[in-house]
């Protein structure tokens, strides 16, 4: 498949190849497109979630609890680990979701400092609606551009790339 004439990533690569032919430019069409896609998808996700009165941070918290399975409860330390965020960020998310009636903090077990957080009935309903809406919408976006084998191949290639990227 050829590149569209107005493809920014290809134009950037061509310009650097022209200006400094000794530079390797093979990463530009790949990584620039990934960054462009990430920006467009992040903006689209924000708009989609706004239609169900949810933000990405709250969705992440509620989804993490929902994916944990019944009784939809995790200690804050586990929430931080599964969400790849700091304990402070978890506290802020839990505070906000608790004020909205979406989660509740439970008393720590005797002899433990771990504070369990669990979904409320309202939180369960909110995450079910948000995730259902979001996943159907995002699957439509992918289906519009790629057939099943292409989706699997892209997922495989992205996983391969991600596995080699530096982590801090």
N, C-alpha and C. Protein backbone atom coordinates (compact mmCIF):
# COMPACT_ATOMS: atom_id res chain seq x y z
N UNK A 1 0.86 -1.18 0.00
CA UNK A 1 0.00 0.00 0.00
C UNK A 1 0.90 1.24 0.00
N UNK A 2 0.63 2.18 -0.86
CA UNK A 2 1.44 3.39 -0.92
C UNK A 2 0.97 4.39 0.12
N UNK A 3 1.87 5.33 0.40
CA UNK A 3 1.57 6.35 1.40
C UNK A 3 0.75 7.47 0.78
N UNK A 4 -0.20 8.03 1.52
CA UNK A 4 -0.96 9.17 0.99
C UNK A 4 -0.01 10.35 0.72
N UNK A 5 -0.35 11.13 -0.27
CA UNK A 5 0.47 12.29 -0.63
C UNK A 5 0.65 13.26 0.54
N UNK A 6 -0.38 13.41 1.35
CA UNK A 6 -0.33 14.39 2.44
C UNK A 6 0.11 13.75 3.77
N UNK A 7 0.76 12.60 3.71
CA UNK A 7 1.19 11.91 4.91
C UNK A 7 2.35 12.66 5.56
N UNK A 8 2.10 13.21 6.74
CA UNK A 8 3.09 14.01 7.44
C UNK A 8 4.35 13.21 7.77
N UNK A 9 4.19 11.98 8.22
CA UNK A 9 5.35 11.17 8.61
C UNK A 9 6.27 10.93 7.42
N UNK A 10 5.70 10.59 6.28
CA UNK A 10 6.51 10.37 5.08
C UNK A 10 7.19 11.66 4.65
N UNK A 11 6.50 12.77 4.74
CA UNK A 11 7.08 14.06 4.36
C UNK A 11 8.25 14.42 5.27
N UNK A 12 8.11 14.16 6.57
CA UNK A 12 9.20 14.44 7.51
C UNK A 12 10.41 13.58 7.18
N UNK A 13 10.18 12.30 6.93
CA UNK A 13 11.29 11.39 6.59
C UNK A 13 11.99 11.85 5.31
N UNK A 14 11.20 12.20 4.30
CA UNK A 14 11.80 12.66 3.03
C UNK A 14 12.62 13.93 3.25
N UNK A 15 12.11 14.84 4.06
CA UNK A 15 12.83 16.10 4.30
C UNK A 15 14.15 15.85 5.00
N UNK A 16 14.16 14.99 6.02
CA UNK A 16 15.42 14.71 6.71
C UNK A 16 16.38 13.93 5.80
N UNK A 17 15.86 13.06 4.96
CA UNK A 17 16.70 12.32 4.03
C UNK A 17 17.36 13.28 3.05
N UNK A 18 16.62 14.28 2.61
CA UNK A 18 17.15 15.29 1.70
C UNK A 18 18.18 16.17 2.40
N UNK A 19 17.85 16.63 3.62
CA UNK A 19 18.70 17.58 4.33
C UNK A 19 19.94 16.94 4.95
N UNK A 20 19.79 15.72 5.46
CA UNK A 20 20.93 15.04 6.08
C UNK A 20 20.88 13.56 5.68
N UNK A 21 21.32 13.25 4.47
CA UNK A 21 21.19 11.89 3.94
C UNK A 21 21.89 10.81 4.78
N UNK A 22 22.82 11.20 5.62
CA UNK A 22 23.53 10.22 6.45
C UNK A 22 22.71 9.75 7.65
N UNK A 23 21.61 10.45 7.98
CA UNK A 23 20.79 10.07 9.13
C UNK A 23 19.87 8.90 8.81
N UNK A 24 19.71 7.98 9.75
CA UNK A 24 18.72 6.91 9.54
C UNK A 24 17.32 7.48 9.77
N UNK A 25 16.44 7.32 8.81
CA UNK A 25 15.10 7.90 8.92
C UNK A 25 14.00 6.84 8.92
N UNK A 26 14.36 5.59 8.97
CA UNK A 26 13.37 4.52 8.92
C UNK A 26 12.38 4.54 10.07
N UNK A 27 12.80 5.07 11.24
CA UNK A 27 11.89 5.10 12.39
C UNK A 27 10.83 6.19 12.26
N UNK A 28 11.10 7.21 11.47
CA UNK A 28 10.17 8.34 11.39
C UNK A 28 8.78 7.92 10.92
N UNK A 29 8.64 7.20 9.82
CA UNK A 29 7.28 6.83 9.39
C UNK A 29 6.55 5.93 10.40
N UNK A 30 7.30 5.17 11.17
CA UNK A 30 6.68 4.28 12.16
C UNK A 30 6.30 5.06 13.42
N UNK A 31 7.28 5.66 14.06
CA UNK A 31 7.04 6.29 15.36
C UNK A 31 6.21 7.56 15.26
N UNK A 32 6.38 8.32 14.19
CA UNK A 32 5.54 9.52 14.02
C UNK A 32 4.08 9.11 13.85
N UNK A 33 3.84 8.05 13.09
CA UNK A 33 2.45 7.59 12.91
C UNK A 33 1.88 7.05 14.21
N UNK A 34 2.70 6.36 14.99
CA UNK A 34 2.23 5.87 16.29
C UNK A 34 1.86 7.04 17.19
N UNK A 35 2.72 8.08 17.22
CA UNK A 35 2.41 9.26 18.04
C UNK A 35 1.15 9.97 17.53
N UNK A 36 1.01 10.09 16.21
CA UNK A 36 -0.19 10.73 15.65
C UNK A 36 -1.43 9.92 16.00
N UNK A 37 -1.35 8.60 15.84
CA UNK A 37 -2.49 7.75 16.17
C UNK A 37 -2.82 7.85 17.65
N UNK A 38 -1.80 7.85 18.50
CA UNK A 38 -2.03 7.95 19.94
C UNK A 38 -2.74 9.26 20.28
N UNK A 39 -2.34 10.34 19.68
CA UNK A 39 -2.97 11.64 19.94
C UNK A 39 -4.43 11.62 19.48
N UNK A 40 -4.66 11.15 18.26
CA UNK A 40 -6.03 11.12 17.74
C UNK A 40 -6.91 10.18 18.56
N UNK A 41 -6.39 9.02 18.94
CA UNK A 41 -7.17 8.06 19.72
C UNK A 41 -7.43 8.56 21.14
N UNK A 42 -6.45 9.24 21.73
CA UNK A 42 -6.64 9.81 23.06
C UNK A 42 -7.73 10.87 23.03
N UNK A 43 -7.69 11.74 22.04
CA UNK A 43 -8.73 12.77 21.91
C UNK A 43 -10.10 12.14 21.67
N UNK A 44 -10.16 11.12 20.82
CA UNK A 44 -11.42 10.44 20.54
C UNK A 44 -11.95 9.74 21.78
N UNK A 45 -11.06 9.10 22.54
CA UNK A 45 -11.47 8.41 23.78
C UNK A 45 -12.04 9.41 24.77
N UNK A 46 -11.40 10.57 24.90
CA UNK A 46 -11.89 11.60 25.82
C UNK A 46 -13.31 12.03 25.44
N UNK A 47 -13.53 12.25 24.14
CA UNK A 47 -14.86 12.65 23.68
C UNK A 47 -15.89 11.54 23.91
N UNK A 48 -15.50 10.31 23.63
CA UNK A 48 -16.41 9.17 23.80
C UNK A 48 -16.78 9.00 25.26
N UNK A 49 -15.80 9.09 26.15
CA UNK A 49 -16.08 8.95 27.58
C UNK A 49 -16.90 10.13 28.11
N UNK A 50 -16.69 11.31 27.56
CA UNK A 50 -17.46 12.48 28.01
C UNK A 50 -18.94 12.26 27.74
N UNK A 51 -19.27 11.53 26.69
CA UNK A 51 -20.69 11.26 26.38
C UNK A 51 -21.35 10.40 27.45
N UNK A 52 -20.56 9.66 28.22
CA UNK A 52 -21.12 8.86 29.32
C UNK A 52 -20.68 9.41 30.67
N UNK A 53 -20.28 10.69 30.68
CA UNK A 53 -19.90 11.41 31.90
C UNK A 53 -18.80 10.68 32.69
N UNK A 54 -17.74 10.29 31.98
CA UNK A 54 -16.63 9.57 32.62
C UNK A 54 -15.33 10.17 32.09
N UNK A 55 -14.30 10.18 32.93
CA UNK A 55 -12.98 10.57 32.46
C UNK A 55 -12.08 9.33 32.46
N UNK A 56 -10.96 9.42 31.80
CA UNK A 56 -10.08 8.27 31.62
C UNK A 56 -9.53 7.74 32.95
N UNK A 57 -9.18 8.64 33.87
CA UNK A 57 -8.64 8.20 35.16
C UNK A 57 -9.68 7.44 35.97
N UNK A 58 -10.91 7.92 35.98
CA UNK A 58 -11.98 7.22 36.70
C UNK A 58 -12.28 5.90 36.03
N UNK A 59 -12.31 5.88 34.70
CA UNK A 59 -12.53 4.63 33.99
C UNK A 59 -11.44 3.62 34.33
N UNK A 60 -10.20 4.08 34.39
CA UNK A 60 -9.10 3.17 34.72
C UNK A 60 -9.30 2.56 36.11
N UNK A 61 -9.66 3.38 37.08
CA UNK A 61 -9.89 2.89 38.44
C UNK A 61 -11.04 1.88 38.47
N UNK A 62 -12.17 2.27 37.91
CA UNK A 62 -13.35 1.40 37.95
C UNK A 62 -13.11 0.12 37.15
N UNK A 63 -12.44 0.24 36.01
CA UNK A 63 -12.15 -0.94 35.19
C UNK A 63 -11.21 -1.90 35.89
N UNK A 64 -10.23 -1.36 36.59
CA UNK A 64 -9.29 -2.21 37.32
C UNK A 64 -10.03 -3.00 38.39
N UNK A 65 -10.92 -2.34 39.11
CA UNK A 65 -11.73 -3.05 40.11
C UNK A 65 -12.66 -4.06 39.45
N UNK A 66 -13.29 -3.70 38.35
CA UNK A 66 -14.23 -4.60 37.67
C UNK A 66 -13.52 -5.84 37.13
N UNK A 67 -12.33 -5.65 36.55
CA UNK A 67 -11.58 -6.78 36.00
C UNK A 67 -11.04 -7.71 37.08
N UNK A 68 -10.97 -7.22 38.32
CA UNK A 68 -10.48 -8.05 39.41
C UNK A 68 -11.45 -9.18 39.72
N UNK A 69 -12.68 -9.06 39.26
CA UNK A 69 -13.69 -10.08 39.54
C UNK A 69 -14.34 -9.85 40.89
N UNK A 70 -15.44 -10.58 41.10
CA UNK A 70 -16.18 -10.44 42.36
C UNK A 70 -15.25 -10.75 43.52
N UNK A 71 -15.30 -9.98 44.57
CA UNK A 71 -16.27 -8.95 44.94
C UNK A 71 -15.88 -7.54 44.45
N UNK A 72 -15.05 -7.43 43.38
CA UNK A 72 -14.68 -6.14 42.80
C UNK A 72 -14.02 -5.24 43.83
N UNK A 73 -13.00 -5.79 44.45
CA UNK A 73 -12.32 -5.11 45.56
C UNK A 73 -10.82 -5.37 45.45
N UNK A 74 -10.03 -4.31 45.67
CA UNK A 74 -8.57 -4.43 45.69
C UNK A 74 -8.01 -3.45 46.71
N UNK A 75 -6.87 -3.79 47.32
CA UNK A 75 -6.20 -2.80 48.16
C UNK A 75 -5.58 -1.71 47.29
N UNK A 76 -5.41 -0.54 47.88
CA UNK A 76 -4.89 0.60 47.11
C UNK A 76 -3.53 0.30 46.50
N UNK A 77 -2.69 -0.42 47.19
CA UNK A 77 -1.36 -0.75 46.65
C UNK A 77 -1.50 -1.57 45.37
N UNK A 78 -2.42 -2.50 45.36
CA UNK A 78 -2.66 -3.33 44.17
C UNK A 78 -3.26 -2.50 43.05
N UNK A 79 -4.13 -1.57 43.39
CA UNK A 79 -4.68 -0.66 42.38
C UNK A 79 -3.57 0.13 41.70
N UNK A 80 -2.64 0.62 42.49
CA UNK A 80 -1.51 1.38 41.93
C UNK A 80 -0.68 0.50 41.00
N UNK A 81 -0.37 -0.71 41.44
CA UNK A 81 0.45 -1.61 40.63
C UNK A 81 -0.24 -1.97 39.31
N UNK A 82 -1.52 -2.28 39.37
CA UNK A 82 -2.24 -2.69 38.16
C UNK A 82 -2.51 -1.52 37.22
N UNK A 83 -2.55 -0.31 37.75
CA UNK A 83 -2.81 0.87 36.92
C UNK A 83 -1.53 1.57 36.48
N UNK A 84 -0.39 1.11 37.00
CA UNK A 84 0.91 1.70 36.67
C UNK A 84 0.96 3.18 37.04
N UNK A 85 0.41 3.49 38.23
CA UNK A 85 0.44 4.86 38.73
C UNK A 85 0.93 4.85 40.17
N UNK A 86 1.20 6.02 40.71
CA UNK A 86 1.70 6.13 42.07
C UNK A 86 0.57 5.96 43.09
N UNK A 87 0.97 5.69 44.33
CA UNK A 87 -0.01 5.58 45.41
C UNK A 87 -0.77 6.90 45.57
N UNK A 88 -0.08 8.01 45.41
CA UNK A 88 -0.75 9.31 45.51
C UNK A 88 -1.81 9.50 44.45
N UNK A 89 -1.51 9.05 43.23
CA UNK A 89 -2.50 9.17 42.15
C UNK A 89 -3.71 8.28 42.42
N UNK A 90 -3.47 7.10 42.98
CA UNK A 90 -4.58 6.22 43.34
C UNK A 90 -5.46 6.89 44.38
N UNK A 91 -4.83 7.48 45.38
CA UNK A 91 -5.59 8.16 46.44
C UNK A 91 -6.48 9.25 45.84
N UNK A 92 -5.93 10.04 44.92
CA UNK A 92 -6.74 11.09 44.29
C UNK A 92 -7.90 10.50 43.50
N UNK A 93 -7.64 9.44 42.76
CA UNK A 93 -8.70 8.81 41.97
C UNK A 93 -9.78 8.22 42.88
N UNK A 94 -9.35 7.54 43.94
CA UNK A 94 -10.31 6.93 44.86
C UNK A 94 -11.13 8.02 45.55
N UNK A 95 -10.47 9.09 45.99
CA UNK A 95 -11.19 10.20 46.63
C UNK A 95 -12.30 10.73 45.72
N UNK A 96 -11.94 10.98 44.46
CA UNK A 96 -12.90 11.54 43.50
C UNK A 96 -14.04 10.55 43.24
N UNK A 97 -13.70 9.28 43.03
CA UNK A 97 -14.74 8.27 42.76
C UNK A 97 -15.60 8.01 43.99
N UNK A 98 -15.00 8.11 45.18
CA UNK A 98 -15.77 7.91 46.40
C UNK A 98 -16.78 9.04 46.58
N UNK A 99 -16.36 10.27 46.32
CA UNK A 99 -17.28 11.40 46.41
C UNK A 99 -18.45 11.24 45.43
N UNK A 100 -18.18 10.62 44.29
CA UNK A 100 -19.22 10.41 43.28
C UNK A 100 -20.07 9.17 43.57
N UNK A 101 -19.74 8.44 44.63
CA UNK A 101 -20.52 7.25 45.00
C UNK A 101 -20.21 6.03 44.16
N UNK A 102 -19.06 6.03 43.48
CA UNK A 102 -18.71 4.93 42.58
C UNK A 102 -17.89 3.83 43.26
N UNK A 103 -17.18 4.18 44.32
CA UNK A 103 -16.39 3.22 45.09
C UNK A 103 -16.56 3.54 46.57
N UNK A 104 -16.14 2.59 47.39
CA UNK A 104 -16.09 2.85 48.83
C UNK A 104 -14.82 2.21 49.39
N UNK A 105 -14.27 2.87 50.38
CA UNK A 105 -13.14 2.31 51.11
C UNK A 105 -13.70 1.44 52.25
N UNK A 106 -13.06 0.32 52.44
CA UNK A 106 -13.45 -0.58 53.52
C UNK A 106 -12.40 -0.51 54.62
N UNK A 107 -12.76 -0.87 55.84
CA UNK A 107 -11.76 -0.87 56.91
C UNK A 107 -10.66 -1.89 56.61
N UNK A 108 -9.46 -1.54 57.01
CA UNK A 108 -8.33 -2.46 56.84
C UNK A 108 -8.53 -3.68 57.73
N UNK A 109 -8.03 -4.81 57.27
CA UNK A 109 -8.08 -6.03 58.07
C UNK A 109 -7.25 -5.81 59.34
N UNK A 110 -7.60 -6.45 60.44
CA UNK A 110 -6.80 -6.32 61.67
C UNK A 110 -5.34 -6.68 61.41
N UNK A 111 -4.45 -5.82 61.87
CA UNK A 111 -3.02 -6.04 61.68
C UNK A 111 -2.50 -5.66 60.31
N UNK A 112 -3.35 -5.09 59.47
CA UNK A 112 -2.94 -4.70 58.12
C UNK A 112 -3.15 -3.21 57.94
N UNK A 113 -2.31 -2.63 57.10
CA UNK A 113 -2.50 -1.22 56.76
C UNK A 113 -3.14 -1.08 55.38
N UNK A 114 -3.34 -2.21 54.68
CA UNK A 114 -3.92 -2.19 53.33
C UNK A 114 -5.39 -1.80 53.40
N UNK A 115 -5.73 -0.76 52.67
CA UNK A 115 -7.12 -0.29 52.65
C UNK A 115 -7.78 -0.81 51.38
N UNK A 116 -8.76 -1.72 51.53
CA UNK A 116 -9.45 -2.21 50.33
C UNK A 116 -10.42 -1.16 49.80
N UNK A 117 -10.52 -1.14 48.48
CA UNK A 117 -11.46 -0.26 47.79
C UNK A 117 -12.34 -1.17 46.95
N UNK A 118 -13.66 -0.93 46.98
CA UNK A 118 -14.53 -1.77 46.16
C UNK A 118 -15.54 -0.93 45.41
N UNK A 119 -16.00 -1.50 44.30
CA UNK A 119 -17.03 -0.85 43.50
C UNK A 119 -18.35 -0.84 44.26
N UNK A 120 -19.07 0.25 44.16
CA UNK A 120 -20.45 0.29 44.63
C UNK A 120 -21.34 -0.19 43.49
N UNK A 121 -22.61 -0.34 43.76
CA UNK A 121 -23.55 -0.72 42.70
C UNK A 121 -23.56 0.35 41.60
N UNK A 122 -23.51 1.62 42.00
CA UNK A 122 -23.46 2.70 41.00
C UNK A 122 -22.17 2.64 40.19
N UNK A 123 -21.06 2.34 40.85
CA UNK A 123 -19.78 2.22 40.16
C UNK A 123 -19.79 1.07 39.17
N UNK A 124 -20.38 -0.05 39.60
CA UNK A 124 -20.48 -1.21 38.71
C UNK A 124 -21.30 -0.86 37.47
N UNK A 125 -22.43 -0.22 37.66
CA UNK A 125 -23.28 0.17 36.52
C UNK A 125 -22.55 1.17 35.62
N UNK A 126 -21.84 2.12 36.23
CA UNK A 126 -21.14 3.14 35.44
C UNK A 126 -20.02 2.52 34.59
N UNK A 127 -19.25 1.62 35.17
CA UNK A 127 -18.15 1.02 34.41
C UNK A 127 -18.68 0.10 33.33
N UNK A 128 -19.76 -0.63 33.60
CA UNK A 128 -20.35 -1.50 32.58
C UNK A 128 -20.79 -0.66 31.38
N UNK A 129 -21.48 0.45 31.63
CA UNK A 129 -21.96 1.30 30.54
C UNK A 129 -20.79 1.93 29.79
N UNK A 130 -19.82 2.47 30.51
CA UNK A 130 -18.70 3.16 29.87
C UNK A 130 -17.85 2.20 29.05
N UNK A 131 -17.52 1.05 29.61
CA UNK A 131 -16.67 0.10 28.90
C UNK A 131 -17.40 -0.45 27.68
N UNK A 132 -18.67 -0.77 27.84
CA UNK A 132 -19.42 -1.28 26.69
C UNK A 132 -19.47 -0.28 25.56
N UNK A 133 -19.77 0.96 25.89
CA UNK A 133 -19.83 2.02 24.88
C UNK A 133 -18.46 2.22 24.23
N UNK A 134 -17.43 2.32 25.05
CA UNK A 134 -16.09 2.60 24.55
C UNK A 134 -15.56 1.46 23.68
N UNK A 135 -15.69 0.22 24.14
CA UNK A 135 -15.13 -0.89 23.37
C UNK A 135 -15.86 -1.10 22.05
N UNK A 136 -17.16 -0.93 22.03
CA UNK A 136 -17.88 -1.02 20.75
C UNK A 136 -17.42 0.08 19.79
N UNK A 137 -17.26 1.28 20.31
CA UNK A 137 -16.82 2.40 19.47
C UNK A 137 -15.40 2.16 18.95
N UNK A 138 -14.49 1.77 19.84
CA UNK A 138 -13.10 1.58 19.41
C UNK A 138 -12.96 0.39 18.47
N UNK A 139 -13.75 -0.66 18.67
CA UNK A 139 -13.70 -1.79 17.73
C UNK A 139 -14.17 -1.35 16.35
N UNK A 140 -15.18 -0.49 16.31
CA UNK A 140 -15.65 0.06 15.03
C UNK A 140 -14.52 0.83 14.34
N UNK A 141 -13.77 1.63 15.10
CA UNK A 141 -12.66 2.37 14.50
C UNK A 141 -11.65 1.43 13.87
N UNK A 142 -11.30 0.37 14.58
CA UNK A 142 -10.32 -0.59 14.07
C UNK A 142 -10.89 -1.37 12.89
N UNK A 143 -12.14 -1.80 13.00
CA UNK A 143 -12.77 -2.57 11.92
C UNK A 143 -12.88 -1.77 10.63
N UNK A 144 -13.02 -0.46 10.75
CA UNK A 144 -13.14 0.39 9.58
C UNK A 144 -11.84 0.41 8.78
N UNK A 145 -10.71 0.28 9.46
CA UNK A 145 -9.41 0.39 8.80
C UNK A 145 -8.76 -0.95 8.49
N UNK A 146 -9.00 -1.96 9.32
CA UNK A 146 -8.26 -3.21 9.20
C UNK A 146 -9.17 -4.42 9.28
N UNK A 147 -8.89 -5.44 8.47
CA UNK A 147 -9.64 -6.69 8.60
C UNK A 147 -9.05 -7.51 9.75
N UNK A 148 -9.68 -8.63 10.06
CA UNK A 148 -9.26 -9.44 11.20
C UNK A 148 -7.80 -9.84 11.19
N UNK A 149 -7.27 -10.42 10.09
CA UNK A 149 -5.85 -10.78 10.07
C UNK A 149 -4.93 -9.57 10.22
N UNK A 150 -5.29 -8.44 9.63
CA UNK A 150 -4.48 -7.22 9.78
C UNK A 150 -4.49 -6.75 11.23
N UNK A 151 -5.64 -6.82 11.91
CA UNK A 151 -5.72 -6.43 13.31
C UNK A 151 -4.80 -7.31 14.16
N UNK A 152 -4.84 -8.61 13.92
CA UNK A 152 -3.99 -9.53 14.70
C UNK A 152 -2.51 -9.28 14.42
N UNK A 153 -2.17 -9.02 13.16
CA UNK A 153 -0.77 -8.75 12.80
C UNK A 153 -0.28 -7.44 13.41
N UNK A 154 -1.10 -6.41 13.35
CA UNK A 154 -0.71 -5.13 13.96
C UNK A 154 -0.55 -5.29 15.47
N UNK A 155 -1.47 -6.00 16.11
CA UNK A 155 -1.35 -6.24 17.56
C UNK A 155 -0.06 -6.99 17.86
N UNK A 156 0.27 -7.98 17.05
CA UNK A 156 1.50 -8.75 17.26
C UNK A 156 2.74 -7.87 17.10
N UNK A 157 2.76 -7.06 16.05
CA UNK A 157 3.92 -6.20 15.80
C UNK A 157 4.08 -5.13 16.88
N UNK A 158 2.97 -4.55 17.32
CA UNK A 158 3.05 -3.55 18.39
C UNK A 158 3.53 -4.18 19.69
N UNK A 159 3.06 -5.39 19.99
CA UNK A 159 3.53 -6.09 21.20
C UNK A 159 5.02 -6.35 21.10
N UNK A 160 5.48 -6.73 19.93
CA UNK A 160 6.92 -7.00 19.72
C UNK A 160 7.73 -5.70 19.94
N UNK A 161 7.25 -4.60 19.39
CA UNK A 161 7.93 -3.32 19.58
C UNK A 161 7.92 -2.91 21.05
N UNK A 162 6.76 -2.99 21.69
CA UNK A 162 6.65 -2.59 23.10
C UNK A 162 7.57 -3.41 23.99
N UNK A 163 7.73 -4.68 23.70
CA UNK A 163 8.57 -5.54 24.53
C UNK A 163 10.03 -5.11 24.53
N UNK A 164 10.45 -4.38 23.53
CA UNK A 164 11.86 -3.98 23.43
C UNK A 164 12.12 -2.56 23.90
N UNK A 165 11.06 -1.80 24.16
CA UNK A 165 11.25 -0.39 24.52
C UNK A 165 11.75 -0.26 25.96
N UNK A 166 12.62 0.72 26.22
CA UNK A 166 13.13 0.91 27.58
C UNK A 166 12.04 1.30 28.56
N UNK A 167 12.17 0.81 29.76
CA UNK A 167 11.24 1.12 30.86
C UNK A 167 12.02 1.85 31.94
N UNK A 168 11.39 2.82 32.56
CA UNK A 168 12.04 3.51 33.69
C UNK A 168 11.23 3.35 34.93
